[in-house]
C-alpha atoms as a PDB file:
ATOM      1  CA  UNK A   1     -27.796  13.944  13.745  1.00  0.00           C
ATOM      2  CA  UNK A   2     -25.492  11.674  12.543  1.00  0.00           C
ATOM      3  CA  UNK A   3     -23.753   9.220  13.996  1.00  0.00           C
ATOM      4  CA  UNK A   4     -19.713   7.240  13.206  1.00  0.00           C
ATOM      5  CA  UNK A   5     -17.354   5.252  15.067  1.00  0.00           C
ATOM      6  CA  UNK A   6     -19.552   6.610  18.187  1.00  0.00           C
ATOM      7  CA  UNK A   7     -19.041   9.850  17.209  1.00  0.00           C
ATOM      8  CA  UNK A   8     -21.560  12.107  16.846  1.00  0.00           C
ATOM      9  CA  UNK A   9     -21.655  14.703  14.241  1.00  0.00           C
ATOM     10  CA  UNK A  10     -23.209  17.880  13.711  1.00  0.00           C
ATOM     11  CA  UNK A  11     -22.933  21.193  11.608  1.00  0.00           C
ATOM     12  CA  UNK A  12     -24.851  23.906   9.870  1.00  0.00           C
ATOM     13  CA  UNK A  13     -23.606  27.373   7.666  1.00  0.00           C
ATOM     14  CA  UNK A  14     -25.835  30.091   7.220  1.00  0.00           C
ATOM     15  CA  UNK A  15     -25.853  33.091   4.813  1.00  0.00           C
ATOM     16  CA  UNK A  16     -24.566  35.812   6.670  1.00  0.00           C
ATOM     17  CA  UNK A  17     -26.773  38.903   7.527  1.00  0.00           C
ATOM     18  CA  UNK A  18     -24.825  41.374   5.089  1.00  0.00           C
ATOM     19  CA  UNK A  19     -24.239  38.809   2.311  1.00  0.00           C
ATOM     20  CA  UNK A  20     -28.117  38.252   2.599  1.00  0.00           C
ATOM     21  CA  UNK A  21     -28.782  41.655   1.886  1.00  0.00           C
ATOM     22  CA  UNK A  22     -26.175  42.445  -0.682  1.00  0.00           C
ATOM     23  CA  UNK A  23     -27.948  39.261  -2.071  1.00  0.00           C
ATOM     24  CA  UNK A  24     -24.053  37.698  -1.715  1.00  0.00           C
ATOM     25  CA  UNK A  25     -24.015  33.483  -1.847  1.00  0.00           C
ATOM     26  CA  UNK A  26     -22.598  31.379   1.025  1.00  0.00           C
ATOM     27  CA  UNK A  27     -18.798  31.762   0.836  1.00  0.00           C
ATOM     28  CA  UNK A  28     -18.359  29.293   3.358  1.00  0.00           C
ATOM     29  CA  UNK A  29     -17.929  25.436   2.668  1.00  0.00           C
ATOM     30  CA  UNK A  30     -17.844  22.344   4.737  1.00  0.00           C
ATOM     31  CA  UNK A  31     -17.466  18.427   5.725  1.00  0.00           C
ATOM     32  CA  UNK A  32     -16.996  15.353   7.449  1.00  0.00           C
ATOM     33  CA  UNK A  33     -15.822  11.989   6.988  1.00  0.00           C
ATOM     34  CA  UNK A  34     -15.102   8.873   9.505  1.00  0.00           C
ATOM     35  CA  UNK A  35     -11.765   6.884   8.660  1.00  0.00           C
ATOM     36  CA  UNK A  36     -11.330   3.891  10.393  1.00  0.00           C
ATOM     37  CA  UNK A  37     -11.801   5.274  14.379  1.00  0.00           C
ATOM     38  CA  UNK A  38     -10.960   8.365  13.494  1.00  0.00           C
ATOM     39  CA  UNK A  39     -13.223  11.919  12.383  1.00  0.00           C
ATOM     40  CA  UNK A  40     -12.422  14.219  10.026  1.00  0.00           C
ATOM     41  CA  UNK A  41     -13.812  17.478  10.313  1.00  0.00           C
ATOM     42  CA  UNK A  42     -13.117  20.148   7.327  1.00  0.00           C
ATOM     43  CA  UNK A  43     -14.253  23.836   7.476  1.00  0.00           C
ATOM     44  CA  UNK A  44     -12.668  26.855   4.760  1.00  0.00           C
ATOM     45  CA  UNK A  45     -13.900  30.492   5.174  1.00  0.00           C
ATOM     46  CA  UNK A  46     -14.236  32.187   1.305  1.00  0.00           C
ATOM     47  CA  UNK A  47     -12.589  35.699   1.209  1.00  0.00           C
ATOM     48  CA  UNK A  48     -14.872  38.473   1.132  1.00  0.00           C
ATOM     49  CA  UNK A  49     -13.156  40.423  -1.042  1.00  0.00           C
ATOM     50  CA  UNK A  50     -12.296  37.404  -3.523  1.00  0.00           C
ATOM     51  CA  UNK A  51     -14.609  37.149  -6.548  1.00  0.00           C
ATOM     52  CA  UNK A  52     -14.658  33.586  -6.356  1.00  0.00           C
ATOM     53  CA  UNK A  53     -14.283  32.471  -2.968  1.00  0.00           C
ATOM     54  CA  UNK A  54     -17.646  30.439  -2.781  1.00  0.00           C
ATOM     55  CA  UNK A  55     -15.853  27.986  -5.335  1.00  0.00           C
ATOM     56  CA  UNK A  56     -12.063  28.485  -3.755  1.00  0.00           C
ATOM     57  CA  UNK A  57     -13.666  26.853  -0.311  1.00  0.00           C
ATOM     58  CA  UNK A  58     -15.590  24.704  -2.227  1.00  0.00           C
ATOM     59  CA  UNK A  59     -13.033  23.022  -3.838  1.00  0.00           C
ATOM     60  CA  UNK A  60     -10.787  23.148  -1.423  1.00  0.00           C
ATOM     61  CA  UNK A  61     -13.054  21.017   0.886  1.00  0.00           C
ATOM     62  CA  UNK A  62     -13.910  18.632  -1.969  1.00  0.00           C
ATOM     63  CA  UNK A  63     -10.346  17.992  -2.866  1.00  0.00           C
ATOM     64  CA  UNK A  64      -9.259  17.433   0.678  1.00  0.00           C
ATOM     65  CA  UNK A  65     -12.434  14.984   1.161  1.00  0.00           C
ATOM     66  CA  UNK A  66     -11.657  13.315  -1.793  1.00  0.00           C
ATOM     67  CA  UNK A  67      -7.614  13.446  -0.609  1.00  0.00           C
ATOM     68  CA  UNK A  68      -8.872  12.206   2.543  1.00  0.00           C
ATOM     69  CA  UNK A  69     -11.106   9.304   1.265  1.00  0.00           C
ATOM     70  CA  UNK A  70      -8.027   8.084  -0.711  1.00  0.00           C
ATOM     71  CA  UNK A  71      -5.474   7.334   2.036  1.00  0.00           C
ATOM     72  CA  UNK A  72      -5.199   4.932   4.626  1.00  0.00           C
ATOM     73  CA  UNK A  73      -6.793   4.702   7.402  1.00  0.00           C
ATOM     74  CA  UNK A  74      -4.377   4.234   9.866  1.00  0.00           C
ATOM     75  CA  UNK A  75      -3.036   7.687   9.225  1.00  0.00           C
ATOM     76  CA  UNK A  76      -6.438   9.482  10.629  1.00  0.00           C
ATOM     77  CA  UNK A  77      -6.433   6.682  13.483  1.00  0.00           C
ATOM     78  CA  UNK A  78      -2.947   7.364  14.955  1.00  0.00           C
ATOM     79  CA  UNK A  79      -2.934  10.931  14.060  1.00  0.00           C
ATOM     80  CA  UNK A  80      -0.327  11.930  16.637  1.00  0.00           C
ATOM     81  CA  UNK A  81       2.273   8.925  15.721  1.00  0.00           C
ATOM     82  CA  UNK A  82       1.558   9.330  12.327  1.00  0.00           C
ATOM     83  CA  UNK A  83       1.635  12.872  12.291  1.00  0.00           C
ATOM     84  CA  UNK A  84       4.735  13.376   9.543  1.00  0.00           C
ATOM     85  CA  UNK A  85       2.753  11.481   6.943  1.00  0.00           C
ATOM     86  CA  UNK A  86      -1.051  12.630   7.819  1.00  0.00           C
ATOM     87  CA  UNK A  87       0.675  15.866   7.834  1.00  0.00           C
ATOM     88  CA  UNK A  88       1.551  15.668   3.755  1.00  0.00           C
ATOM     89  CA  UNK A  89      -1.834  13.890   2.840  1.00  0.00           C
ATOM     90  CA  UNK A  90      -2.826  17.249   3.705  1.00  0.00           C
ATOM     91  CA  UNK A  91      -0.662  19.933   2.101  1.00  0.00           C
ATOM     92  CA  UNK A  92      -1.259  17.761  -0.791  1.00  0.00           C
ATOM     93  CA  UNK A  93      -4.856  18.080  -0.710  1.00  0.00           C
ATOM     94  CA  UNK A  94      -4.008  21.418  -0.483  1.00  0.00           C
ATOM     95  CA  UNK A  95      -1.648  21.518  -3.270  1.00  0.00           C
ATOM     96  CA  UNK A  96      -4.066  19.559  -5.463  1.00  0.00           C
ATOM     97  CA  UNK A  97      -7.038  22.121  -4.565  1.00  0.00           C
ATOM     98  CA  UNK A  98      -5.329  25.075  -6.093  1.00  0.00           C
ATOM     99  CA  UNK A  99      -4.134  23.343  -9.377  1.00  0.00           C
ATOM    100  CA  UNK A 100      -7.800  22.013 -10.170  1.00  0.00           C
ATOM    101  CA  UNK A 101      -8.569  26.579  -9.677  1.00  0.00           C
ATOM    102  CA  UNK A 102      -5.491  27.366 -12.429  1.00  0.00           C
ATOM    103  CA  UNK A 103      -5.302  24.116 -14.876  1.00  0.00           C
ATOM    104  CA  UNK A 104      -5.863  24.798 -18.353  1.00  0.00           C
ATOM    105  CA  UNK A 105      -9.365  23.812 -20.187  1.00  0.00           C
ATOM    106  CA  UNK A 106      -7.920  21.778 -22.513  1.00  0.00           C
ATOM    107  CA  UNK A 107      -8.578  20.690 -25.825  1.00  0.00           C
ATOM    108  CA  UNK A 108     -12.369  19.771 -25.002  1.00  0.00           C
ATOM    109  CA  UNK A 109     -12.871  22.200 -22.573  1.00  0.00           C
ATOM    110  CA  UNK A 110     -11.940  25.487 -25.537  1.00  0.00           C
ATOM    111  CA  UNK A 111     -14.247  23.655 -27.595  1.00  0.00           C
ATOM    112  CA  UNK A 112     -17.407  24.404 -25.755  1.00  0.00           C
ATOM    113  CA  UNK A 113     -16.233  27.493 -24.755  1.00  0.00           C
ATOM    114  CA  UNK A 114     -13.971  27.099 -21.120  1.00  0.00           C
ATOM    115  CA  UNK A 115     -11.749  29.776 -20.218  1.00  0.00           C
ATOM    116  CA  UNK A 116      -8.531  29.278 -17.954  1.00  0.00           C
ATOM    117  CA  UNK A 117      -8.955  29.735 -14.292  1.00  0.00           C
ATOM    118  CA  UNK A 118      -8.422  33.645 -13.329  1.00  0.00           C
ATOM    119  CA  UNK A 119      -5.704  34.300 -10.306  1.00  0.00           C
ATOM    120  CA  UNK A 120      -5.612  32.122  -7.547  1.00  0.00           C
ATOM    121  CA  UNK A 121      -6.904  35.154  -5.189  1.00  0.00           C
ATOM    122  CA  UNK A 122      -9.735  35.044  -7.297  1.00  0.00           C
ATOM    123  CA  UNK A 123     -10.417  31.790  -4.881  1.00  0.00           C
ATOM    124  CA  UNK A 124      -8.722  33.055  -1.853  1.00  0.00           C
ATOM    125  CA  UNK A 125     -10.057  30.814   1.267  1.00  0.00           C
ATOM    126  CA  UNK A 126      -8.967  29.698   4.851  1.00  0.00           C
ATOM    127  CA  UNK A 127      -9.475  26.395   6.205  1.00  0.00           C
ATOM    128  CA  UNK A 128      -9.926  24.733   9.270  1.00  0.00           C
ATOM    129  CA  UNK A 129      -9.666  20.730   9.965  1.00  0.00           C
ATOM    130  CA  UNK A 130      -9.601  18.500  13.093  1.00  0.00           C
ATOM    131  CA  UNK A 131      -8.180  14.451  12.756  1.00  0.00           C
ATOM    132  CA  UNK A 132      -9.287  12.592  16.178  1.00  0.00           C
ATOM    133  CA  UNK A 133      -9.942   9.433  17.619  1.00  0.00           C
ATOM    134  CA  UNK A 134     -10.472  10.304  21.240  1.00  0.00           C
ATOM    135  CA  UNK A 135      -7.219   9.446  22.271  1.00  0.00           C
ATOM    136  CA  UNK A 136      -4.898  11.314  20.135  1.00  0.00           C
ATOM    137  CA  UNK A 137      -6.082  14.650  17.355  1.00  0.00           C
ATOM    138  CA  UNK A 138      -4.296  17.077  15.415  1.00  0.00           C
ATOM    139  CA  UNK A 139      -5.944  20.228  14.655  1.00  0.00           C
ATOM    140  CA  UNK A 140      -4.418  21.728  10.430  1.00  0.00           C
ATOM    141  CA  UNK A 141      -4.846  26.000   9.883  1.00  0.00           C
ATOM    142  CA  UNK A 142      -4.918  28.511   7.641  1.00  0.00           C
ATOM    143  CA  UNK A 143      -5.980  31.524   8.204  1.00  0.00           C
ATOM    144  CA  UNK A 144      -8.743  33.057  11.112  1.00  0.00           C
ATOM    145  CA  UNK A 145     -11.720  31.318  12.661  1.00  0.00           C
ATOM    146  CA  UNK A 146     -11.207  28.570  15.434  1.00  0.00           C
ATOM    147  CA  UNK A 147     -10.994  24.907  15.429  1.00  0.00           C
ATOM    148  CA  UNK A 148      -9.940  22.394  18.870  1.00  0.00           C
ATOM    149  CA  UNK A 149     -10.892  19.338  21.057  1.00  0.00           C
ATOM    150  CA  UNK A 150     -11.928  19.723  24.253  1.00  0.00           C
ATOM    151  CA  UNK A 151     -12.876  17.044  27.393  1.00  0.00           C
ATOM    152  CA  UNK A 152     -16.101  17.688  29.351  1.00  0.00           C
ATOM    153  CA  UNK A 153     -16.889  14.890  32.294  1.00  0.00           C
ATOM    154  CA  UNK A 154     -20.312  13.066  33.432  1.00  0.00           C
ATOM    155  CA  UNK A 155     -21.713  16.437  34.552  1.00  0.00           C
ATOM    156  CA  UNK A 156     -21.200  17.951  30.893  1.00  0.00           C
ATOM    157  CA  UNK A 157     -18.418  20.555  32.877  1.00  0.00           C
ATOM    158  CA  UNK A 158     -16.080  21.850  30.573  1.00  0.00           C
ATOM    159  CA  UNK A 159     -12.302  20.108  32.563  1.00  0.00           C
ATOM    160  CA  UNK A 160      -9.978  20.830  29.463  1.00  0.00           C
ATOM    161  CA  UNK A 161     -10.183  22.584  25.419  1.00  0.00           C
ATOM    162  CA  UNK A 162      -6.811  22.981  23.036  1.00  0.00           C
ATOM    163  CA  UNK A 163      -7.985  25.427  20.838  1.00  0.00           C
ATOM    164  CA  UNK A 164      -5.563  26.381  17.424  1.00  0.00           C
ATOM    165  CA  UNK A 165      -6.254  29.856  17.404  1.00  0.00           C
ATOM    166  CA  UNK A 166      -6.897  32.569  14.160  1.00  0.00           C
ATOM    167  CA  UNK A 167      -3.914  33.721  12.757  1.00  0.00           C
ATOM    168  CA  UNK A 168      -4.130  36.922  11.292  1.00  0.00           C
ATOM    169  CA  UNK A 169      -2.001  39.817   9.754  1.00  0.00           C
ATOM    170  CA  UNK A 170      -0.987  43.294  10.005  1.00  0.00           C
ATOM    171  CA  UNK A 171      -4.731  44.431  11.350  1.00  0.00           C
ATOM    172  CA  UNK A 172      -7.636  42.146  12.636  1.00  0.00           C
ATOM    173  CA  UNK A 173      -9.132  42.050   9.250  1.00  0.00           C
ATOM    174  CA  UNK A 174      -6.760  40.430   7.054  1.00  0.00           C
ATOM    175  CA  UNK A 175      -5.699  36.973   7.508  1.00  0.00           C
ATOM    176  CA  UNK A 176      -3.804  34.145   5.345  1.00  0.00           C
ATOM    177  CA  UNK A 177      -5.434  32.088   2.182  1.00  0.00           C
ATOM    178  CA  UNK A 178      -4.647  28.255   0.836  1.00  0.00           C
ATOM    179  CA  UNK A 179      -4.574  30.287  -2.393  1.00  0.00           C
ATOM    180  CA  UNK A 180      -1.402  32.753  -1.061  1.00  0.00           C
ATOM    181  CA  UNK A 181       1.918  31.829  -2.606  1.00  0.00           C
ATOM    182  CA  UNK A 182       3.804  31.327   0.393  1.00  0.00           C
ATOM    183  CA  UNK A 183       0.428  29.450   2.486  1.00  0.00           C
ATOM    184  CA  UNK A 184       2.801  26.878   3.650  1.00  0.00           C
ATOM    185  CA  UNK A 185       4.691  28.958   5.905  1.00  0.00           C
ATOM    186  CA  UNK A 186       0.715  29.622   7.618  1.00  0.00           C
ATOM    187  CA  UNK A 187       0.258  26.240   7.541  1.00  0.00           C
ATOM    188  CA  UNK A 188       0.140  25.350  11.030  1.00  0.00           C
ATOM    189  CA  UNK A 189      -0.855  22.034  13.548  1.00  0.00           C
ATOM    190  CA  UNK A 190      -1.319  21.626  17.083  1.00  0.00           C
ATOM    191  CA  UNK A 191      -0.834  18.322  18.622  1.00  0.00           C
ATOM    192  CA  UNK A 192      -3.267  16.859  21.160  1.00  0.00           C
ATOM    193  CA  UNK A 193      -2.191  14.275  22.899  1.00  0.00           C
ATOM    194  CA  UNK A 194      -4.370  13.481  25.432  1.00  0.00           C
ATOM    195  CA  UNK A 195      -8.386  12.132  25.465  1.00  0.00           C
ATOM    196  CA  UNK A 196     -10.727  14.587  24.133  1.00  0.00           C
ATOM    197  CA  UNK A 197     -14.953  14.139  23.633  1.00  0.00           C
ATOM    198  CA  UNK A 198     -16.118  16.966  21.942  1.00  0.00           C
ATOM    199  CA  UNK A 199     -14.203  18.207  18.058  1.00  0.00           C
ATOM    200  CA  UNK A 200     -15.416  21.694  16.943  1.00  0.00           C
ATOM    201  CA  UNK A 201     -14.390  23.378  13.519  1.00  0.00           C
ATOM    202  CA  UNK A 202     -15.472  26.941  12.900  1.00  0.00           C
ATOM    203  CA  UNK A 203     -15.591  29.983  10.251  1.00  0.00           C
ATOM    204  CA  UNK A 204     -14.937  32.659  11.846  1.00  0.00           C
ATOM    205  CA  UNK A 205     -18.761  34.196  11.621  1.00  0.00           C
ATOM    206  CA  UNK A 206     -19.495  31.070  14.648  1.00  0.00           C
ATOM    207  CA  UNK A 207     -16.676  33.239  16.622  1.00  0.00           C
ATOM    208  CA  UNK A 208     -19.067  35.620  18.621  1.00  0.00           C
ATOM    209  CA  UNK A 209     -21.727  33.022  20.238  1.00  0.00           C
ATOM    210  CA  UNK A 210     -19.066  29.515  20.931  1.00  0.00           C
ATOM    211  CA  UNK A 211     -15.776  31.667  21.943  1.00  0.00           C
ATOM    212  CA  UNK A 212     -14.985  33.321  25.106  1.00  0.00           C
ATOM    213  CA  UNK A 213     -14.708  37.522  25.628  1.00  0.00           C
ATOM    214  CA  UNK A 214     -10.897  36.615  25.944  1.00  0.00           C
ATOM    215  CA  UNK A 215     -10.997  35.543  22.193  1.00  0.00           C
ATOM    216  CA  UNK A 216      -8.504  32.397  23.312  1.00  0.00           C
ATOM    217  CA  UNK A 217     -11.215  30.112  24.613  1.00  0.00           C
ATOM    218  CA  UNK A 218     -14.238  28.380  24.262  1.00  0.00           C
ATOM    219  CA  UNK A 219     -16.996  29.802  25.996  1.00  0.00           C
ATOM    220  CA  UNK A 220     -18.128  27.285  29.031  1.00  0.00           C
ATOM    221  CA  UNK A 221     -21.423  27.815  29.210  1.00  0.00           C
ATOM    222  CA  UNK A 222     -23.239  27.818  25.125  1.00  0.00           C
ATOM    223  CA  UNK A 223     -20.491  25.147  24.881  1.00  0.00           C
ATOM    224  CA  UNK A 224     -21.077  23.008  28.054  1.00  0.00           C
ATOM    225  CA  UNK A 225     -24.793  23.308  26.584  1.00  0.00           C
ATOM    226  CA  UNK A 226     -24.508  21.936  23.445  1.00  0.00           C
ATOM    227  CA  UNK A 227     -22.379  18.965  24.758  1.00  0.00           C
ATOM    228  CA  UNK A 228     -25.605  17.770  26.262  1.00  0.00           C
ATOM    229  CA  UNK A 229     -27.510  18.478  23.698  1.00  0.00           C
ATOM    230  CA  UNK A 230     -25.470  16.391  21.388  1.00  0.00           C
ATOM    231  CA  UNK A 231     -25.964  13.280  23.752  1.00  0.00           C
ATOM    232  CA  UNK A 232     -28.084  10.165  21.953  1.00  0.00           C
ATOM    233  CA  UNK A 233     -28.808   9.803  18.326  1.00  0.00           C
ATOM    234  CA  UNK A 234     -32.284  11.638  18.628  1.00  0.00           C
ATOM    235  CA  UNK A 235     -30.346  14.955  19.626  1.00  0.00           C
ATOM    236  CA  UNK A 236     -31.660  17.987  17.314  1.00  0.00           C
ATOM    237  CA  UNK A 237     -29.751  19.068  14.420  1.00  0.00           C
ATOM    238  CA  UNK A 238     -27.176  21.880  14.876  1.00  0.00           C
ATOM    239  CA  UNK A 239     -28.889  23.710  13.099  1.00  0.00           C
ATOM    240  CA  UNK A 240     -32.018  23.733  15.260  1.00  0.00           C
ATOM    241  CA  UNK A 241     -29.673  25.005  18.340  1.00  0.00           C
ATOM    242  CA  UNK A 242     -28.291  27.252  16.340  1.00  0.00           C
ATOM    243  CA  UNK A 243     -31.116  28.824  13.564  1.00  0.00           C
ATOM    244  CA  UNK A 244     -30.771  31.184  11.688  1.00  0.00           C
ATOM    245  CA  UNK A 245     -32.155  34.166  13.424  1.00  0.00           C
ATOM    246  CA  UNK A 246     -30.257  33.382  16.450  1.00  0.00           C
ATOM    247  CA  UNK A 247     -27.239  33.183  14.256  1.00  0.00           C
ATOM    248  CA  UNK A 248     -27.870  36.342  12.599  1.00  0.00           C
ATOM    249  CA  UNK A 249     -28.145  38.221  15.713  1.00  0.00           C
ATOM    250  CA  UNK A 250     -24.733  38.635  17.179  1.00  0.00           C
ATOM    251  CA  UNK A 251     -23.034  38.135  14.012  1.00  0.00           C
ATOM    252  CA  UNK A 252     -23.557  39.238  10.688  1.00  0.00           C
ATOM    253  CA  UNK A 253     -20.998  37.504   8.000  1.00  0.00           C
ATOM    254  CA  UNK A 254     -21.526  33.898   7.213  1.00  0.00           C
ATOM    255  CA  UNK A 255     -21.282  31.473   9.905  1.00  0.00           C
ATOM    256  CA  UNK A 256     -20.475  27.364   9.635  1.00  0.00           C
ATOM    257  CA  UNK A 257     -20.280  25.454  12.801  1.00  0.00           C
ATOM    258  CA  UNK A 258     -18.600  21.478  12.455  1.00  0.00           C
ATOM    259  CA  UNK A 259     -19.283  19.618  15.860  1.00  0.00           C
ATOM    260  CA  UNK A 260     -18.762  16.083  16.870  1.00  0.00           C
ATOM    261  CA  UNK A 261     -19.373  14.162  20.407  1.00  0.00           C
ATOM    262  CA  UNK A 262     -18.356  10.741  21.680  1.00  0.00           C
END
């Protein structure tokens, strides 16, 4: 458990059971950081059908991380009032990641045998991202997965929840990626102009144990217990709560979850 600006933050990423059997690497990536009084959570889920999905998700997360670090802290501390500028920062980070994945190797790289990257579709990955100072929050989303914020009372009861839901295509297993030519059409922003004390971002592999059966709300029992367990700097790490064996019992996909609580 790590502490940042009064937020306690933890996360895990488990290789999916099906990928473990097929000896395929974990295609999810995640990162988090603090910008002033705000906390930022980033999760990207590489598409199983893409040949270089892990590189795609890693490049997207690392590029967004650097873009956020290089941007003024006040944009993140005032996510709602500065939303147009903050959205522009996130979109710039996505464009930089796309450029990194397709740029030519250059003269020196060519001399050492490096080749130009393939099609952007080889690196397909989704994005969920939460920015919050506890009083105002913004959620950025491309594709599936869930992200959001909520408020628990002193008895660990879930009072309010604000979710950014998955966006699928014509079929349930079809979604949208930052590598799509029209990715901006599927770049969604959810504004939470209310106090929150719990943040979350997850790939779709974590859905079965975090999201209720209605698919549009949090599982109140699980999340209330998780909020309670995360109290204090001595709280267990998230991968001790959600062990790989437990995750594999309910999900076959790569599962990544980031949470933060005040």
